[in-house]
Protein backbone atom coordinates (compact mmCIF):
# COMPACT_ATOMS: atom_id res chain seq x y z
CA MET A 1 8.08 17.91 17.04
CA VAL A 2 6.72 14.24 16.65
CA THR A 3 4.79 12.93 19.10
CA ILE A 4 3.84 9.13 19.95
CA LYS A 5 0.96 8.17 22.34
CA GLU A 6 -0.94 5.35 22.77
CA GLU A 7 -4.46 5.05 21.97
CA PRO A 8 -6.57 2.53 24.83
CA SER A 9 -9.13 1.90 21.59
CA TYR A 10 -9.72 3.07 18.40
CA LYS A 11 -13.44 2.52 16.82
CA ASN A 12 -13.40 -1.60 17.13
CA TYR A 13 -9.46 -2.23 16.48
CA GLY A 14 -8.62 -2.42 19.79
CA LYS A 15 -5.32 -0.38 21.35
CA CYS A 16 -3.48 1.74 18.25
CA LEU A 17 -0.54 4.39 18.10
CA THR A 18 -0.93 7.48 17.48
CA ILE A 19 1.80 9.34 15.63
CA SER A 20 1.88 12.88 14.42
CA ASN A 21 3.57 16.08 14.10
CA ASP A 22 2.13 19.41 13.39
CA LYS A 23 1.28 18.56 9.94
CA MET A 24 0.09 14.66 9.67
CA GLU A 25 -1.23 11.91 11.55
CA LEU A 26 -0.79 8.41 11.21
CA ILE A 27 -2.88 5.49 13.85
CA VAL A 28 -1.23 1.95 13.88
CA THR A 29 -2.97 -0.76 15.21
CA VAL A 30 -0.97 -3.03 17.89
CA ASP A 31 -3.65 -5.40 18.92
CA VAL A 32 -4.35 -7.06 15.43
CA GLY A 33 -2.41 -6.28 12.02
CA PRO A 34 -0.29 -4.48 11.92
CA ARG A 35 -2.30 -1.48 9.75
CA ILE A 36 -1.55 1.85 9.37
CA ILE A 37 -5.30 2.56 9.33
CA SER A 38 -5.37 6.28 9.70
CA CYS A 39 -3.62 8.33 7.33
CA SER A 40 -3.84 12.58 7.39
CA LEU A 41 -2.77 16.16 7.77
CA ARG A 42 -3.88 17.20 10.81
CA GLY A 43 -7.68 18.02 10.99
CA LYS A 44 -8.67 16.49 7.87
CA GLU A 45 -10.11 13.11 7.46
CA ASN A 46 -8.35 9.82 7.13
CA MET A 47 -7.23 9.13 3.38
CA LEU A 48 -7.46 5.39 4.09
CA HIS A 49 -9.99 2.56 4.30
CA GLU A 50 -11.21 1.71 7.79
CA ASP A 51 -13.35 -1.87 6.98
CA VAL A 52 -14.98 -1.41 10.50
CA ALA A 53 -18.13 -3.67 9.49
CA ARG A 54 -15.47 -6.63 8.61
CA ASN A 55 -16.92 -6.45 4.72
CA THR A 56 -13.42 -7.83 3.55
CA THR A 57 -12.43 -11.38 4.95
CA GLN A 58 -10.91 -15.02 3.99
CA ASP A 59 -11.61 -17.92 5.52
CA VAL A 60 -8.22 -19.79 5.64
CA SER A 61 -9.26 -22.48 8.42
CA SER A 62 -7.78 -25.14 6.11
CA LEU A 63 -3.88 -24.14 6.60
CA TYR A 64 -3.99 -21.80 9.76
CA GLY A 65 -7.17 -24.20 11.43
CA GLU A 66 -10.52 -24.46 12.32
CA GLY A 67 -12.20 -20.71 12.50
CA LYS A 68 -9.20 -19.03 11.25
CA THR A 69 -10.43 -15.83 9.45
CA TRP A 70 -7.79 -13.47 7.64
CA ASN A 71 -9.50 -9.59 8.00
CA ILE A 72 -8.39 -6.77 5.31
CA TYR A 73 -8.59 -4.20 8.41
CA GLY A 74 -8.34 -1.87 5.99
CA GLY A 75 -4.82 1.10 5.57
CA HIS A 76 -1.53 0.13 5.10
CA ARG A 77 -0.26 -3.72 5.31
CA LEU A 78 2.63 -5.75 4.00
CA TRP A 79 2.27 -9.14 2.34
CA LEU A 80 5.30 -11.18 0.33
CA SER A 81 4.16 -11.28 -3.52
CA PRO A 82 3.65 -13.34 -5.58
CA GLU A 83 -0.01 -13.74 -4.15
CA LYS A 84 -0.95 -17.40 -2.72
CA TYR A 85 -3.66 -19.02 -1.24
CA PRO A 86 -4.15 -19.43 1.93
CA ASP A 87 -0.17 -18.97 2.53
CA THR A 88 -0.79 -14.93 1.63
CA TYR A 89 -3.50 -14.63 3.73
CA TYR A 90 -1.81 -15.58 7.47
CA PRO A 91 -4.52 -14.22 10.25
CA ASP A 92 -2.56 -11.57 11.21
CA ASN A 93 -5.02 -10.82 14.46
CA GLU A 94 -2.51 -11.05 17.51
CA LYS A 95 -0.77 -8.35 19.21
CA VAL A 96 2.05 -6.50 17.59
CA LEU A 97 4.99 -6.08 19.20
CA TYR A 98 6.39 -2.03 19.01
CA THR A 99 9.74 -0.39 19.86
CA VAL A 100 10.24 3.67 19.76
CA ASN A 101 13.50 5.34 19.49
CA GLY A 102 12.97 8.99 18.81
CA SER A 103 10.48 9.76 15.95
CA THR A 104 10.99 6.00 14.70
CA VAL A 105 8.53 3.20 15.53
CA GLU A 106 8.96 -0.43 14.58
CA PHE A 107 5.93 -2.48 14.08
CA ILE A 108 6.52 -6.44 14.56
CA PRO A 109 3.54 -8.71 14.93
CA PRO A 110 4.21 -12.45 16.01
CA ARG A 111 6.28 -15.00 13.08
CA GLN A 112 3.97 -16.33 10.96
CA GLU A 113 4.26 -19.90 12.19
CA VAL A 114 3.19 -21.75 8.70
CA THR A 115 4.93 -19.68 6.61
CA GLY A 116 8.13 -18.91 8.41
CA LEU A 117 8.19 -15.28 7.47
CA GLN A 118 8.42 -12.80 9.78
CA TYR A 119 6.91 -9.43 9.33
CA SER A 120 7.84 -5.58 10.38
CA ILE A 121 6.99 -2.12 9.18
CA LEU A 122 9.12 0.98 10.67
CA VAL A 123 7.50 4.21 10.42
CA GLU A 124 9.59 7.65 10.89
CA MET A 125 8.18 10.65 10.09
CA ASP A 126 9.57 14.12 10.03
CA GLU A 127 9.83 16.17 12.61
CA CYS A 128 8.15 19.37 10.78
CA GLU A 129 6.67 18.38 7.31
CA ALA A 130 3.85 16.12 6.22
CA GLN A 131 6.35 13.42 5.37
CA VAL A 132 6.70 9.83 6.66
CA ASN A 133 9.20 7.20 5.79
CA ILE A 134 8.11 3.69 5.54
CA THR A 135 10.12 0.76 5.34
CA HIS A 136 8.82 -3.11 5.10
CA THR A 137 11.32 -6.20 6.02
CA ILE A 138 10.18 -9.86 5.23
CA THR A 139 12.37 -11.73 7.49
CA ASN A 140 12.90 -15.84 6.40
CA ALA A 141 12.58 -17.02 9.85
CA GLY A 142 12.45 -20.63 8.48
CA LYS A 143 14.20 -23.63 7.66
CA GLU A 144 14.10 -23.55 3.52
CA PRO A 145 15.14 -20.81 1.52
CA ILE A 146 12.03 -18.22 0.28
CA THR A 147 11.29 -16.62 -3.03
CA GLY A 148 9.53 -13.24 -3.77
CA ALA A 149 9.43 -9.64 -3.01
CA ALA A 150 8.15 -7.57 -0.52
CA TRP A 151 4.74 -6.17 -1.31
CA ALA A 152 3.43 -2.78 0.48
CA LEU A 153 -0.44 -2.55 -0.22
CA THR A 154 -2.30 1.11 0.74
CA VAL A 155 -5.60 0.57 1.29
CA SER A 156 -7.89 4.19 0.49
CA ALA A 157 -10.77 5.59 1.28
CA ALA A 158 -13.87 5.29 -1.08
CA CYS A 159 -14.46 8.28 -3.58
CA GLY A 160 -10.93 8.50 -4.12
CA ALA A 161 -8.86 8.49 -7.56
CA VAL A 162 -5.10 7.35 -8.06
CA ILE A 163 -2.72 8.71 -10.87
CA VAL A 164 -0.20 6.99 -11.84
CA PRO A 165 2.56 7.94 -14.78
CA GLN A 166 3.68 6.01 -17.57
CA PRO A 167 7.31 5.18 -18.12
CA LYS A 168 8.57 8.16 -20.54
CA GLU A 169 11.78 6.61 -21.34
CA ASP A 170 12.85 7.16 -25.52
CA THR A 171 13.73 3.53 -25.90
CA GLY A 172 13.94 3.84 -29.45
CA LEU A 173 12.41 0.40 -31.38
CA LEU A 174 12.34 -1.07 -28.25
CA SER A 175 9.19 -1.28 -26.18
CA ASN A 176 9.31 1.13 -22.98
CA ARG A 177 6.91 -0.50 -20.66
CA SER A 178 4.65 -3.11 -19.63
CA LEU A 179 0.79 -2.99 -18.80
CA VAL A 180 -0.51 -6.12 -16.78
CA LEU A 181 -3.62 -7.01 -16.47
CA TRP A 182 -5.83 -9.53 -14.19
CA PRO A 183 -8.42 -12.11 -15.37
CA TYR A 184 -11.20 -9.49 -13.89
CA THR A 185 -10.12 -6.45 -15.48
CA ASN A 186 -11.85 -4.76 -18.21
CA MET A 187 -10.36 -2.16 -20.67
CA GLN A 188 -13.70 -0.45 -21.26
CA ASP A 189 -14.51 0.08 -17.49
CA SER A 190 -15.97 3.73 -16.79
CA ARG A 191 -13.62 4.23 -14.13
CA VAL A 192 -10.23 4.50 -15.75
CA PHE A 193 -8.84 6.87 -17.67
CA TRP A 194 -5.80 5.95 -20.08
CA GLY A 195 -3.93 9.35 -20.63
CA LYS A 196 -0.64 9.98 -23.15
CA ASN A 197 1.61 10.22 -19.88
CA ASN A 198 -0.79 8.87 -17.25
CA ILE A 199 -3.09 6.60 -16.20
CA ALA A 200 -6.19 7.53 -13.53
CA LEU A 201 -8.52 5.80 -11.79
CA ARG A 202 -11.71 6.55 -9.71
CA GLN A 203 -13.03 4.43 -7.12
CA ASP A 204 -16.70 4.49 -7.41
CA PRO A 205 -19.19 2.27 -4.73
CA THR A 206 -21.48 2.13 -7.28
CA VAL A 207 -19.83 -0.31 -9.35
CA ASP A 208 -19.21 -3.94 -7.97
CA GLN A 209 -16.66 -5.32 -10.54
CA ALA A 210 -13.15 -5.59 -9.43
CA PHE A 211 -9.98 -3.74 -11.43
CA LYS A 212 -6.43 -4.10 -11.49
CA ILE A 213 -3.78 -2.75 -13.65
CA GLY A 214 0.54 -3.32 -12.76
CA ILE A 215 2.82 -1.13 -14.86
CA ASN A 216 6.37 -0.81 -14.90
CA ASN A 217 6.50 2.28 -13.08
CA THR A 218 10.02 3.77 -13.91
CA ALA A 219 8.75 7.17 -11.83
CA GLY A 220 8.89 5.62 -8.66
CA LYS A 221 6.14 7.76 -7.51
CA LEU A 222 1.86 7.60 -7.64
CA ALA A 223 -1.03 9.75 -6.06
CA TYR A 224 -4.20 8.90 -4.11
CA ILE A 225 -6.33 12.07 -4.45
CA ASN A 226 -9.43 12.31 -1.72
CA HIS A 227 -10.70 14.80 0.95
CA GLY A 228 -8.98 17.43 -0.66
CA GLN A 229 -6.16 15.66 -0.11
CA ALA A 230 -2.78 13.90 -2.19
CA MET A 231 -0.95 11.25 -0.77
CA VAL A 232 2.16 11.09 -3.16
CA LYS A 233 4.31 7.66 -2.58
CA THR A 234 7.93 7.38 -3.82
CA PHE A 235 9.44 3.89 -3.77
CA ALA A 236 12.22 2.31 -5.93
CA PRO A 237 11.75 3.60 -9.51
CA PHE A 238 11.27 0.18 -11.98
CA ASP A 239 14.75 -1.37 -12.79
CA GLU A 240 15.50 -2.87 -15.83
CA ALA A 241 18.08 -5.29 -14.63
CA GLU A 242 16.07 -6.94 -11.77
CA THR A 243 12.97 -9.54 -11.76
CA TYR A 244 9.85 -8.48 -10.15
CA PRO A 245 6.47 -10.39 -9.91
CA ASP A 246 3.13 -10.31 -11.96
CA ARG A 247 5.02 -10.44 -14.71
CA GLY A 248 7.48 -8.09 -14.18
CA VAL A 249 5.82 -4.92 -12.39
CA ASN A 250 6.67 -2.74 -9.49
CA CYS A 251 3.39 -0.82 -9.15
CA GLU A 252 0.03 -1.99 -8.96
CA VAL A 253 -3.73 -0.17 -8.66
CA TYR A 254 -7.47 -1.70 -8.08
CA ALA A 255 -10.03 -0.99 -7.23
CA CYS A 256 -13.65 -2.90 -6.21
CA LYS A 257 -16.81 -1.26 -4.49
CA TYR A 258 -15.32 -0.66 -1.23
CA PHE A 259 -11.91 0.91 -1.76
CA THR A 260 -8.95 1.67 -4.08
CA GLU A 261 -5.41 -0.07 -3.21
CA THR A 262 -2.43 1.60 -4.43
CA GLU A 263 0.59 -0.46 -4.71
CA THR A 264 4.27 -1.18 -4.78
CA LEU A 265 6.84 -4.06 -4.62
CA SER A 266 10.20 -4.96 -4.55
CA PRO A 267 12.33 -6.77 -7.02
CA ILE A 268 11.79 -11.03 -6.40
CA PHE A 269 14.13 -12.45 -3.93
CA THR A 270 15.61 -15.58 -2.71
CA VAL A 271 16.66 -15.47 0.57
CA GLY A 272 17.86 -18.21 3.60
CA LYS A 273 17.04 -18.06 7.12
CA ASN A 274 17.22 -15.12 8.86
CA ARG A 275 17.94 -13.43 6.16
CA SER A 276 15.69 -10.43 4.67
CA ILE A 277 13.83 -8.70 1.82
CA THR A 278 13.37 -4.62 2.45
CA HIS A 279 10.97 -2.01 0.51
CA LYS A 280 10.78 1.58 1.36
CA GLU A 281 7.61 4.24 0.80
CA THR A 282 7.87 7.82 1.28
CA TRP A 283 4.42 9.26 1.49
CA THR A 284 4.29 13.18 1.66
CA LEU A 285 0.41 14.88 1.78
CA THR A 286 -0.83 18.20 0.05
CA ASP A 287 -3.58 20.14 0.94
CA ASP A 288 -6.18 21.39 -1.69
CA ILE A 289 -6.01 19.05 -4.05
CA THR A 290 -9.28 18.05 -5.77
CA ILE A 291 -9.81 16.56 -9.41
CA GLY A 292 -13.14 16.37 -10.76
CA GLU A 293 -13.79 14.86 -14.50
CA PHE A 294 -10.87 13.26 -15.99
CA THR A 295 -9.44 14.66 -19.13
CA GLU A 296 -6.03 14.84 -20.64
CA GLU A 297 -5.40 18.42 -19.54
CA SER A 298 -6.85 17.74 -16.15
CA VAL A 299 -4.87 14.70 -14.99
CA ALA A 300 -1.24 16.06 -16.63
CA GLU A 301 -2.26 19.57 -14.47
CA ILE A 302 -2.44 17.10 -11.14
CA ALA A 303 0.49 14.95 -12.29
CA ALA A 304 2.31 17.99 -12.65
CA LYS A 305 2.06 19.29 -9.71
CA LEU A 306 2.60 16.33 -7.68
CA PHE A 307 4.93 14.64 -9.12
CA GLY A 308 7.19 17.52 -10.94
């Protein structure tokens, strides 16, 4: 059975909504954001990063007015890709409208006045299993067409590890995968493991250098492991017939000294007034999952257990 409860205060995030069943629990901010700020199996530690200290911010006063600041807050959020400063960093610091329909909750922040974008995040928790469906919608509430992709970013707690499966399709004489790098990405970074069938990335709070890669994820899956738990994100597999942002990828992972991000993207669409872009993820939590040193065997074993 799914229980939905309004919490008057959670840390320094203000009012939040708790969505839970017998196996898992989510906490979603409604005074700011929205952010899914906590996700865990019942009684376990939060899998997501909480920026209580507000270490990650952006001054966006040039577009949104004096004193306006964007805060990462942590947790899971929705953006429009490709990233563009300062447009992407809309200061979502206002109260969020939410509506409850059975085990489903839709979170709708105020319309972005400058960009004309209207975001919404629909959360539907399974009645019995440690699984939740999250539907992200970006609606063009402005006058002019917009072009972009729905971009779902999950900011995960420190000291965890990410596993991303590589494409395995036999394409003969043609390439079967794209690996995209950012200017600050060092391919010799000690945190990353380049395996035969999987790529693994570990967050290390002692390393200041940021790291980010993107890939055409044809499996439509990735996993984040921390606190003895694993979160498997399932999403639409890469489609050769579609166009994707960031040189053609639908899956990206990022690490810095504070957190890891697991990011998935929809294809690029151009939508007119009152038209929408949607993108769905399914999160499944699993207990008793740990990973030590990255080796071909250890990463493959965990990947086989989590991805099938």
